[in-house]
Amino acid sequence: MVADQFRLGIYGVAAAEAMALGRLVVSDVDQSVRDAVQRRAGRPLPIWQLAAEDLADGLEAILADRAPFQALAAEGPAFAAAVHSGARSRQALAAALGCG
């Protein structure tokens, strides 16, 4: 499990790398970020929403019933491949630079 970004409302490189490896990621990702990911990627962000102040209770929930969290973690590799791949980065950069 990787805990990432509990104050900024975003997710970072560590979260993307952890998803690519099929690890559960917990973070406090703002709903506007989740909505933007859903809109642009066509799939939900497979990061379990958890506020910093709820971390202890969240960890207990994970330990009490691991199956749903394992299922969420299993969505990570496909998400990372589709959304954070080199090809996707190339497309985004080409569009931003007006050369693609």
PDB file of N, CA and C in Angstrom:
ATOM      1  N   MET A   1       0.841  -1.175   0.000  1.00  0.00           N
ATOM      2  CA  MET A   1       0.000   0.000   0.000  1.00  0.00           C
ATOM      3  C   MET A   1       0.889   1.242   0.000  1.00  0.00           C
ATOM      4  N   VAL A   2       0.434   2.256  -0.723  1.00  0.00           N
ATOM      5  CA  VAL A   2       1.138   3.532  -0.769  1.00  0.00           C
ATOM      6  C   VAL A   2       0.166   4.634  -0.373  1.00  0.00           C
ATOM      7  N   ALA A   3       0.575   5.444   0.576  1.00  0.00           N
ATOM      8  CA  ALA A   3      -0.195   6.623   0.976  1.00  0.00           C
ATOM      9  C   ALA A   3       0.464   7.828   0.300  1.00  0.00           C
ATOM     10  N   ASP A   4      -0.340   8.616  -0.410  1.00  0.00           N
ATOM     11  CA  ASP A   4       0.225   9.689  -1.241  1.00  0.00           C
ATOM     12  C   ASP A   4      -0.641  10.931  -1.180  1.00  0.00           C
ATOM     13  N   GLN A   5      -0.020  12.097  -1.028  1.00  0.00           N
ATOM     14  CA  GLN A   5      -0.672  13.401  -1.206  1.00  0.00           C
ATOM     15  C   GLN A   5      -1.950  13.583  -0.372  1.00  0.00           C
ATOM     16  N   PHE A   6      -1.791  13.900   0.885  1.00  0.00           N
ATOM     17  CA  PHE A   6      -2.955  14.110   1.741  1.00  0.00           C
ATOM     18  C   PHE A   6      -3.303  15.570   1.954  1.00  0.00           C
ATOM     19  N   ARG A   7      -2.630  16.480   1.312  1.00  0.00           N
ATOM     20  CA  ARG A   7      -2.929  17.899   1.527  1.00  0.00           C
ATOM     21  C   ARG A   7      -3.206  18.681   0.249  1.00  0.00           C
ATOM     22  N   LEU A   8      -2.725  18.232  -0.871  1.00  0.00           N
ATOM     23  CA  LEU A   8      -2.816  19.028  -2.092  1.00  0.00           C
ATOM     24  C   LEU A   8      -4.045  18.741  -2.952  1.00  0.00           C
ATOM     25  N   GLY A   9      -4.717  17.616  -2.712  1.00  0.00           N
ATOM     26  CA  GLY A   9      -5.893  17.280  -3.511  1.00  0.00           C
ATOM     27  C   GLY A   9      -5.578  16.660  -4.851  1.00  0.00           C
ATOM     28  N   ILE A  10      -4.323  16.275  -5.052  1.00  0.00           N
ATOM     29  CA  ILE A  10      -3.885  15.672  -6.306  1.00  0.00           C
ATOM     30  C   ILE A  10      -3.242  14.319  -6.001  1.00  0.00           C
ATOM     31  N   TYR A  11      -2.841  13.627  -7.049  1.00  0.00           N
ATOM     32  CA  TYR A  11      -2.002  12.449  -6.839  1.00  0.00           C
ATOM     33  C   TYR A  11      -0.724  12.653  -7.621  1.00  0.00           C
ATOM     34  N   GLY A  12       0.341  11.993  -7.180  1.00  0.00           N
ATOM     35  CA  GLY A  12       1.639  12.264  -7.768  1.00  0.00           C
ATOM     36  C   GLY A  12       2.281  11.062  -8.430  1.00  0.00           C
ATOM     37  N   VAL A  13       3.545  11.210  -8.727  1.00  0.00           N
ATOM     38  CA  VAL A  13       4.314  10.183  -9.418  1.00  0.00           C
ATOM     39  C   VAL A  13       4.357   8.896  -8.605  1.00  0.00           C
ATOM     40  N   ALA A  14       4.536   9.005  -7.300  1.00  0.00           N
ATOM     41  CA  ALA A  14       4.577   7.798  -6.465  1.00  0.00           C
ATOM     42  C   ALA A  14       3.280   7.009  -6.598  1.00  0.00           C
ATOM     43  N   ALA A  15       2.158   7.703  -6.663  1.00  0.00           N
ATOM     44  CA  ALA A  15       0.873   7.023  -6.822  1.00  0.00           C
ATOM     45  C   ALA A  15       0.785   6.343  -8.183  1.00  0.00           C
ATOM     46  N   ALA A  16       1.220   7.015  -9.228  1.00  0.00           N
ATOM     47  CA  ALA A  16       1.183   6.418 -10.571  1.00  0.00           C
ATOM     48  C   ALA A  16       2.079   5.187 -10.638  1.00  0.00           C
ATOM     49  N   GLU A  17       3.256   5.279 -10.038  1.00  0.00           N
ATOM     50  CA  GLU A  17       4.158   4.129 -10.026  1.00  0.00           C
ATOM     51  C   GLU A  17       3.567   2.973  -9.226  1.00  0.00           C
ATOM     52  N   ALA A  18       2.964   3.281  -8.080  1.00  0.00           N
ATOM     53  CA  ALA A  18       2.351   2.238  -7.257  1.00  0.00           C
ATOM     54  C   ALA A  18       1.184   1.579  -7.987  1.00  0.00           C
ATOM     55  N   MET A  19       0.367   2.384  -8.681  1.00  0.00           N
ATOM     56  CA  MET A  19      -0.732   1.800  -9.451  1.00  0.00           C
ATOM     57  C   MET A  19      -0.190   0.878 -10.537  1.00  0.00           C
ATOM     58  N   ALA A  20       0.875   1.298 -11.207  1.00  0.00           N
ATOM     59  CA  ALA A  20       1.462   0.476 -12.263  1.00  0.00           C
ATOM     60  C   ALA A  20       1.921  -0.873 -11.724  1.00  0.00           C
ATOM     61  N   LEU A  21       2.308  -0.906 -10.465  1.00  0.00           N
ATOM     62  CA  LEU A  21       2.764  -2.139  -9.831  1.00  0.00           C
ATOM     63  C   LEU A  21       1.633  -2.930  -9.172  1.00  0.00           C
ATOM     64  N   GLY A  22       0.399  -2.412  -9.301  1.00  0.00           N
ATOM     65  CA  GLY A  22      -0.740  -3.122  -8.731  1.00  0.00           C
ATOM     66  C   GLY A  22      -0.883  -2.972  -7.230  1.00  0.00           C
ATOM     67  N   ARG A  23      -0.350  -1.898  -6.690  1.00  0.00           N
ATOM     68  CA  ARG A  23      -0.441  -1.650  -5.249  1.00  0.00           C
ATOM     69  C   ARG A  23      -1.645  -0.772  -4.946  1.00  0.00           C
ATOM     70  N   LEU A  24      -2.198  -0.956  -3.787  1.00  0.00           N
ATOM     71  CA  LEU A  24      -3.281  -0.099  -3.333  1.00  0.00           C
ATOM     72  C   LEU A  24      -2.715   1.278  -3.033  1.00  0.00           C
ATOM     73  N   VAL A  25      -3.375   2.304  -3.545  1.00  0.00           N
ATOM     74  CA  VAL A  25      -2.991   3.686  -3.266  1.00  0.00           C
ATOM     75  C   VAL A  25      -4.135   4.348  -2.515  1.00  0.00           C
ATOM     76  N   VAL A  26      -3.793   4.989  -1.406  1.00  0.00           N
ATOM     77  CA  VAL A  26      -4.762   5.771  -0.651  1.00  0.00           C
ATOM     78  C   VAL A  26      -4.296   7.217  -0.661  1.00  0.00           C
ATOM     79  N   SER A  27      -5.237   8.116  -0.854  1.00  0.00           N
ATOM     80  CA  SER A  27      -4.895   9.524  -0.971  1.00  0.00           C
ATOM     81  C   SER A  27      -6.153  10.361  -0.823  1.00  0.00           C
ATOM     82  N   ASP A  28      -5.969  11.627  -0.543  1.00  0.00           N
ATOM     83  CA  ASP A  28      -7.085  12.566  -0.470  1.00  0.00           C
ATOM     84  C   ASP A  28      -7.088  13.369  -1.767  1.00  0.00           C
ATOM     85  N   VAL A  29      -7.702  12.796  -2.796  1.00  0.00           N
ATOM     86  CA  VAL A  29      -7.739  13.406  -4.125  1.00  0.00           C
ATOM     87  C   VAL A  29      -9.047  14.182  -4.268  1.00  0.00           C
ATOM     88  N   ASP A  30      -8.924  15.446  -4.585  1.00  0.00           N
ATOM     89  CA  ASP A  30     -10.087  16.317  -4.739  1.00  0.00           C
ATOM     90  C   ASP A  30     -11.044  15.775  -5.807  1.00  0.00           C
ATOM     91  N   GLN A  31     -12.318  15.946  -5.577  1.00  0.00           N
ATOM     92  CA  GLN A  31     -13.323  15.447  -6.517  1.00  0.00           C
ATOM     93  C   GLN A  31     -13.156  16.071  -7.904  1.00  0.00           C
ATOM     94  N   SER A  32     -12.721  17.321  -7.979  1.00  0.00           N
ATOM     95  CA  SER A  32     -12.519  17.942  -9.290  1.00  0.00           C
ATOM     96  C   SER A  32     -11.409  17.235 -10.071  1.00  0.00           C
ATOM     97  N   VAL A  33     -10.384  16.760  -9.375  1.00  0.00           N
ATOM     98  CA  VAL A  33      -9.311  16.001 -10.025  1.00  0.00           C
ATOM     99  C   VAL A  33      -9.850  14.660 -10.494  1.00  0.00           C
ATOM    100  N   ARG A  34     -10.610  13.993  -9.635  1.00  0.00           N
ATOM    101  CA  ARG A  34     -11.206  12.704 -10.010  1.00  0.00           C
ATOM    102  C   ARG A  34     -12.120  12.869 -11.229  1.00  0.00           C
ATOM    103  N   ASP A  35     -12.895  13.937 -11.234  1.00  0.00           N
ATOM    104  CA  ASP A  35     -13.797  14.188 -12.370  1.00  0.00           C
ATOM    105  C   ASP A  35     -13.004  14.438 -13.653  1.00  0.00           C
ATOM    106  N   ALA A  36     -11.921  15.204 -13.556  1.00  0.00           N
ATOM    107  CA  ALA A  36     -11.087  15.484 -14.733  1.00  0.00           C
ATOM    108  C   ALA A  36     -10.444  14.210 -15.261  1.00  0.00           C
ATOM    109  N   VAL A  37      -9.971  13.361 -14.366  1.00  0.00           N
ATOM    110  CA  VAL A  37      -9.392  12.085 -14.792  1.00  0.00           C
ATOM    111  C   VAL A  37     -10.445  11.242 -15.500  1.00  0.00           C
ATOM    112  N   GLN A  38     -11.619  11.150 -14.912  1.00  0.00           N
ATOM    113  CA  GLN A  38     -12.707  10.366 -15.510  1.00  0.00           C
ATOM    114  C   GLN A  38     -13.055  10.897 -16.897  1.00  0.00           C
ATOM    115  N   ARG A  39     -13.133  12.209 -17.017  1.00  0.00           N
ATOM    116  CA  ARG A  39     -13.501  12.839 -18.283  1.00  0.00           C
ATOM    117  C   ARG A  39     -12.418  12.597 -19.350  1.00  0.00           C
ATOM    118  N   ARG A  40     -11.176  12.781 -18.978  1.00  0.00           N
ATOM    119  CA  ARG A  40     -10.084  12.668 -19.957  1.00  0.00           C
ATOM    120  C   ARG A  40      -9.670  11.228 -20.236  1.00  0.00           C
ATOM    121  N   ALA A  41      -9.708  10.396 -19.209  1.00  0.00           N
ATOM    122  CA  ALA A  41      -9.221   9.019 -19.372  1.00  0.00           C
ATOM    123  C   ALA A  41     -10.330   8.035 -19.684  1.00  0.00           C
ATOM    124  N   GLY A  42     -11.571   8.438 -19.405  1.00  0.00           N
ATOM    125  CA  GLY A  42     -12.691   7.531 -19.652  1.00  0.00           C
ATOM    126  C   GLY A  42     -12.776   6.395 -18.652  1.00  0.00           C
ATOM    127  N   ARG A  43     -12.113   6.563 -17.527  1.00  0.00           N
ATOM    128  CA  ARG A  43     -12.143   5.557 -16.472  1.00  0.00           C
ATOM    129  C   ARG A  43     -11.893   6.241 -15.136  1.00  0.00           C
ATOM    130  N   PRO A  44     -12.429   5.679 -14.073  1.00  0.00           N
ATOM    131  CA  PRO A  44     -12.228   6.305 -12.761  1.00  0.00           C
ATOM    132  C   PRO A  44     -10.809   6.109 -12.246  1.00  0.00           C
ATOM    133  N   LEU A  45     -10.396   6.996 -11.400  1.00  0.00           N
ATOM    134  CA  LEU A  45      -9.090   6.931 -10.760  1.00  0.00           C
ATOM    135  C   LEU A  45      -9.119   5.832  -9.701  1.00  0.00           C
ATOM    136  N   PRO A  46      -8.280   4.801  -9.829  1.00  0.00           N
ATOM    137  CA  PRO A  46      -8.322   3.694  -8.865  1.00  0.00           C
ATOM    138  C   PRO A  46      -7.485   3.967  -7.608  1.00  0.00           C
ATOM    139  N   ILE A  47      -7.799   5.071  -6.966  1.00  0.00           N
ATOM    140  CA  ILE A  47      -7.160   5.444  -5.707  1.00  0.00           C
ATOM    141  C   ILE A  47      -8.260   5.550  -4.660  1.00  0.00           C
ATOM    142  N   TRP A  48      -8.053   4.873  -3.532  1.00  0.00           N
ATOM    143  CA  TRP A  48      -9.066   4.919  -2.484  1.00  0.00           C
ATOM    144  C   TRP A  48      -9.022   6.270  -1.805  1.00  0.00           C
ATOM    145  N   GLN A  49     -10.153   6.934  -1.761  1.00  0.00           N
ATOM    146  CA  GLN A  49     -10.285   8.259  -1.159  1.00  0.00           C
ATOM    147  C   GLN A  49     -10.211   8.140   0.359  1.00  0.00           C
ATOM    148  N   LEU A  50      -9.256   8.849   0.943  1.00  0.00           N
ATOM    149  CA  LEU A  50      -9.074   8.797   2.385  1.00  0.00           C
ATOM    150  C   LEU A  50      -8.429  10.095   2.848  1.00  0.00           C
ATOM    151  N   ALA A  51      -9.068  10.786   3.754  1.00  0.00           N
ATOM    152  CA  ALA A  51      -8.510  12.020   4.314  1.00  0.00           C
ATOM    153  C   ALA A  51      -7.460  11.671   5.361  1.00  0.00           C
ATOM    154  N   ALA A  52      -6.495  12.542   5.545  1.00  0.00           N
ATOM    155  CA  ALA A  52      -5.400  12.296   6.484  1.00  0.00           C
ATOM    156  C   ALA A  52      -5.917  12.005   7.886  1.00  0.00           C
ATOM    157  N   GLU A  53      -6.923  12.732   8.295  1.00  0.00           N
ATOM    158  CA  GLU A  53      -7.444  12.542   9.656  1.00  0.00           C
ATOM    159  C   GLU A  53      -8.159  11.197   9.831  1.00  0.00           C
ATOM    160  N   ASP A  54      -8.458  10.540   8.730  1.00  0.00           N
ATOM    161  CA  ASP A  54      -9.133   9.237   8.786  1.00  0.00           C
ATOM    162  C   ASP A  54      -8.190   8.071   8.495  1.00  0.00           C
ATOM    163  N   LEU A  55      -6.896   8.335   8.442  1.00  0.00           N
ATOM    164  CA  LEU A  55      -5.931   7.316   8.034  1.00  0.00           C
ATOM    165  C   LEU A  55      -5.952   6.089   8.946  1.00  0.00           C
ATOM    166  N   ALA A  56      -5.967   6.272  10.245  1.00  0.00           N
ATOM    167  CA  ALA A  56      -5.963   5.128  11.168  1.00  0.00           C
ATOM    168  C   ALA A  56      -7.196   4.250  10.955  1.00  0.00           C
ATOM    169  N   ASP A  57      -8.372   4.872  10.878  1.00  0.00           N
ATOM    170  CA  ASP A  57      -9.600   4.108  10.646  1.00  0.00           C
ATOM    171  C   ASP A  57      -9.578   3.449   9.266  1.00  0.00           C
ATOM    172  N   GLY A  58      -9.021   4.139   8.291  1.00  0.00           N
ATOM    173  CA  GLY A  58      -8.926   3.585   6.946  1.00  0.00           C
ATOM    174  C   GLY A  58      -8.051   2.353   6.894  1.00  0.00           C
ATOM    175  N   LEU A  59      -6.917   2.403   7.583  1.00  0.00           N
ATOM    176  CA  LEU A  59      -6.034   1.238   7.623  1.00  0.00           C
ATOM    177  C   LEU A  59      -6.717   0.054   8.302  1.00  0.00           C
ATOM    178  N   GLU A  60      -7.465   0.335   9.330  1.00  0.00           N
ATOM    179  CA  GLU A  60      -8.220  -0.735   9.995  1.00  0.00           C
ATOM    180  C   GLU A  60      -9.263  -1.331   9.049  1.00  0.00           C
ATOM    181  N   ALA A  61      -9.908  -0.499   8.257  1.00  0.00           N
ATOM    182  CA  ALA A  61     -10.896  -0.990   7.290  1.00  0.00           C
ATOM    183  C   ALA A  61     -10.242  -1.884   6.247  1.00  0.00           C
ATOM    184  N   ILE A  62      -9.069  -1.502   5.786  1.00  0.00           N
ATOM    185  CA  ILE A  62      -8.340  -2.315   4.805  1.00  0.00           C
ATOM    186  C   ILE A  62      -8.021  -3.683   5.391  1.00  0.00           C
ATOM    187  N   LEU A  63      -7.518  -3.689   6.608  1.00  0.00           N
ATOM    188  CA  LEU A  63      -7.144  -4.952   7.245  1.00  0.00           C
ATOM    189  C   LEU A  63      -8.359  -5.826   7.560  1.00  0.00           C
ATOM    190  N   ALA A  64      -9.490  -5.196   7.830  1.00  0.00           N
ATOM    191  CA  ALA A  64     -10.694  -5.949   8.185  1.00  0.00           C
ATOM    192  C   ALA A  64     -11.329  -6.639   6.986  1.00  0.00           C
ATOM    193  N   ASP A  65     -11.195  -6.061   5.806  1.00  0.00           N
ATOM    194  CA  ASP A  65     -11.828  -6.636   4.606  1.00  0.00           C
ATOM    195  C   ASP A  65     -10.961  -6.313   3.394  1.00  0.00           C
ATOM    196  N   ARG A  66      -9.976  -7.124   3.132  1.00  0.00           N
ATOM    197  CA  ARG A  66      -8.975  -6.833   2.115  1.00  0.00           C
ATOM    198  C   ARG A  66      -9.477  -6.978   0.680  1.00  0.00           C
ATOM    199  N   ALA A  67     -10.452  -7.817   0.444  1.00  0.00           N
ATOM    200  CA  ALA A  67     -10.874  -8.135  -0.930  1.00  0.00           C
ATOM    201  C   ALA A  67     -11.210  -6.907  -1.776  1.00  0.00           C
ATOM    202  N   PRO A  68     -12.046  -5.972  -1.298  1.00  0.00           N
ATOM    203  CA  PRO A  68     -12.370  -4.828  -2.167  1.00  0.00           C
ATOM    204  C   PRO A  68     -11.150  -3.948  -2.456  1.00  0.00           C
ATOM    205  N   PHE A  69     -10.219  -3.899  -1.535  1.00  0.00           N
ATOM    206  CA  PHE A  69      -9.019  -3.088  -1.739  1.00  0.00           C
ATOM    207  C   PHE A  69      -8.049  -3.785  -2.685  1.00  0.00           C
ATOM    208  N   GLN A  70      -8.017  -5.101  -2.633  1.00  0.00           N
ATOM    209  CA  GLN A  70      -7.214  -5.855  -3.598  1.00  0.00           C
ATOM    210  C   GLN A  70      -7.780  -5.673  -5.001  1.00  0.00           C
ATOM    211  N   ALA A  71      -9.102  -5.647  -5.112  1.00  0.00           N
ATOM    212  CA  ALA A  71      -9.741  -5.437  -6.416  1.00  0.00           C
ATOM    213  C   ALA A  71      -9.429  -4.042  -6.953  1.00  0.00           C
ATOM    214  N   LEU A  72      -9.472  -3.046  -6.084  1.00  0.00           N
ATOM    215  CA  LEU A  72      -9.146  -1.682  -6.511  1.00  0.00           C
ATOM    216  C   LEU A  72      -7.691  -1.601  -6.956  1.00  0.00           C
ATOM    217  N   ALA A  73      -6.793  -2.208  -6.193  1.00  0.00           N
ATOM    218  CA  ALA A  73      -5.373  -2.213  -6.550  1.00  0.00           C
ATOM    219  C   ALA A  73      -5.146  -2.913  -7.886  1.00  0.00           C
ATOM    220  N   ALA A  74      -5.918  -3.931  -8.161  1.00  0.00           N
ATOM    221  CA  ALA A  74      -5.769  -4.686  -9.410  1.00  0.00           C
ATOM    222  C   ALA A  74      -6.140  -3.852 -10.637  1.00  0.00           C
ATOM    223  N   GLU A  75      -6.899  -2.781 -10.453  1.00  0.00           N
ATOM    224  CA  GLU A  75      -7.249  -1.890 -11.559  1.00  0.00           C
ATOM    225  C   GLU A  75      -6.084  -0.964 -11.926  1.00  0.00           C
ATOM    226  N   GLY A  76      -5.124  -0.832 -11.032  1.00  0.00           N
ATOM    227  CA  GLY A  76      -4.033   0.114 -11.208  1.00  0.00           C
ATOM    228  C   GLY A  76      -3.161  -0.095 -12.431  1.00  0.00           C
ATOM    229  N   PRO A  77      -2.689  -1.326 -12.700  1.00  0.00           N
ATOM    230  CA  PRO A  77      -1.802  -1.480 -13.857  1.00  0.00           C
ATOM    231  C   PRO A  77      -2.431  -1.054 -15.185  1.00  0.00           C
ATOM    232  N   ALA A  78      -3.669  -1.423 -15.411  1.00  0.00           N
ATOM    233  CA  ALA A  78      -4.328  -1.028 -16.662  1.00  0.00           C
ATOM    234  C   ALA A  78      -4.533   0.484 -16.709  1.00  0.00           C
ATOM    235  N   PHE A  79      -4.897   1.075 -15.580  1.00  0.00           N
ATOM    236  CA  PHE A  79      -5.076   2.532 -15.524  1.00  0.00           C
ATOM    237  C   PHE A  79      -3.755   3.230 -15.830  1.00  0.00           C
ATOM    238  N   ALA A  80      -2.688   2.808 -15.162  1.00  0.00           N
ATOM    239  CA  ALA A  80      -1.384   3.446 -15.366  1.00  0.00           C
ATOM    240  C   ALA A  80      -0.917   3.287 -16.811  1.00  0.00           C
ATOM    241  N   ALA A  81      -1.128   2.118 -17.378  1.00  0.00           N
ATOM    242  CA  ALA A  81      -0.719   1.893 -18.765  1.00  0.00           C
ATOM    243  C   ALA A  81      -1.498   2.792 -19.724  1.00  0.00           C
ATOM    244  N   ALA A  82      -2.777   2.984 -19.446  1.00  0.00           N
ATOM    245  CA  ALA A  82      -3.618   3.788 -20.340  1.00  0.00           C
ATOM    246  C   ALA A  82      -3.422   5.288 -20.146  1.00  0.00           C
ATOM    247  N   VAL A  83      -3.212   5.700 -18.915  1.00  0.00           N
ATOM    248  CA  VAL A  83      -3.224   7.132 -18.608  1.00  0.00           C
ATOM    249  C   VAL A  83      -1.824   7.722 -18.422  1.00  0.00           C
ATOM    250  N   HIS A  84      -0.888   6.932 -17.960  1.00  0.00           N
ATOM    251  CA  HIS A  84       0.441   7.459 -17.638  1.00  0.00           C
ATOM    252  C   HIS A  84       1.550   6.808 -18.460  1.00  0.00           C
ATOM    253  N   SER A  85       1.217   6.358 -19.631  1.00  0.00           N
ATOM    254  CA  SER A  85       2.221   5.724 -20.483  1.00  0.00           C
ATOM    255  C   SER A  85       3.027   6.782 -21.235  1.00  0.00           C
ATOM    256  N   GLY A  86       4.132   6.362 -21.784  1.00  0.00           N
ATOM    257  CA  GLY A  86       4.940   7.267 -22.600  1.00  0.00           C
ATOM    258  C   GLY A  86       4.186   7.765 -23.815  1.00  0.00           C
ATOM    259  N   ALA A  87       3.370   6.894 -24.409  1.00  0.00           N
ATOM    260  CA  ALA A  87       2.599   7.294 -25.593  1.00  0.00           C
ATOM    261  C   ALA A  87       1.605   8.397 -25.238  1.00  0.00           C
ATOM    262  N   ARG A  88       0.952   8.265 -24.105  1.00  0.00           N
ATOM    263  CA  ARG A  88      -0.010   9.280 -23.671  1.00  0.00           C
ATOM    264  C   ARG A  88       0.710  10.604 -23.388  1.00  0.00           C
ATOM    265  N   SER A  89       1.878  10.509 -22.777  1.00  0.00           N
ATOM    266  CA  SER A  89       2.665  11.717 -22.494  1.00  0.00           C
ATOM    267  C   SER A  89       3.083  12.403 -23.794  1.00  0.00           C
ATOM    268  N   ARG A  90       3.507  11.604 -24.768  1.00  0.00           N
ATOM    269  CA  ARG A  90       3.910  12.156 -26.063  1.00  0.00           C
ATOM    270  C   ARG A  90       2.743  12.891 -26.716  1.00  0.00           C
ATOM    271  N   GLN A  91       1.570  12.294 -26.678  1.00  0.00           N
ATOM    272  CA  GLN A  91       0.385  12.925 -27.269  1.00  0.00           C
ATOM    273  C   GLN A  91       0.077  14.252 -26.576  1.00  0.00           C
ATOM    274  N   ALA A  92       0.144  14.259 -25.247  1.00  0.00           N
ATOM    275  CA  ALA A  92      -0.164  15.475 -24.490  1.00  0.00           C
ATOM    276  C   ALA A  92       0.861  16.576 -24.791  1.00  0.00           C
ATOM    277  N   LEU A  93       2.132  16.202 -24.835  1.00  0.00           N
ATOM    278  CA  LEU A  93       3.162  17.193 -25.139  1.00  0.00           C
ATOM    279  C   LEU A  93       3.055  17.714 -26.566  1.00  0.00           C
ATOM    280  N   ALA A  94       2.797  16.828 -27.496  1.00  0.00           N
ATOM    281  CA  ALA A  94       2.654  17.252 -28.898  1.00  0.00           C
ATOM    282  C   ALA A  94       1.492  18.217 -29.051  1.00  0.00           C
ATOM    283  N   ALA A  95       0.386  17.924 -28.396  1.00  0.00           N
ATOM    284  CA  ALA A  95      -0.775  18.813 -28.472  1.00  0.00           C
ATOM    285  C   ALA A  95      -0.462  20.164 -27.824  1.00  0.00           C
ATOM    286  N   ALA A  96       0.216  20.137 -26.675  1.00  0.00           N
ATOM    287  CA  ALA A  96       0.533  21.385 -25.971  1.00  0.00           C
ATOM    288  C   ALA A  96       1.524  22.241 -26.769  1.00  0.00           C
ATOM    289  N   LEU A  97       2.417  21.580 -27.480  1.00  0.00           N
ATOM    290  CA  LEU A  97       3.427  22.310 -28.244  1.00  0.00           C
ATOM    291  C   LEU A  97       2.987  22.612 -29.671  1.00  0.00           C
ATOM    292  N   GLY A  98       1.799  22.133 -30.034  1.00  0.00           N
ATOM    293  CA  GLY A  98       1.265  22.389 -31.367  1.00  0.00           C
ATOM    294  C   GLY A  98       1.996  21.670 -32.479  1.00  0.00           C
ATOM    295  N   CYS A  99       2.529  20.501 -32.174  1.00  0.00           N
ATOM    296  CA  CYS A  99       3.262  19.764 -33.207  1.00  0.00           C
ATOM    297  C   CYS A  99       2.727  18.342 -33.367  1.00  0.00           C
ATOM    298  N   GLY A 100       1.473  18.173 -33.119  1.00  0.00           N
ATOM    299  CA  GLY A 100       0.998  16.812 -33.268  1.00  0.00           C
ATOM    300  C   GLY A 100      -0.419  16.757 -33.580  1.00  0.00           C
TER     301      GLY A 100
END
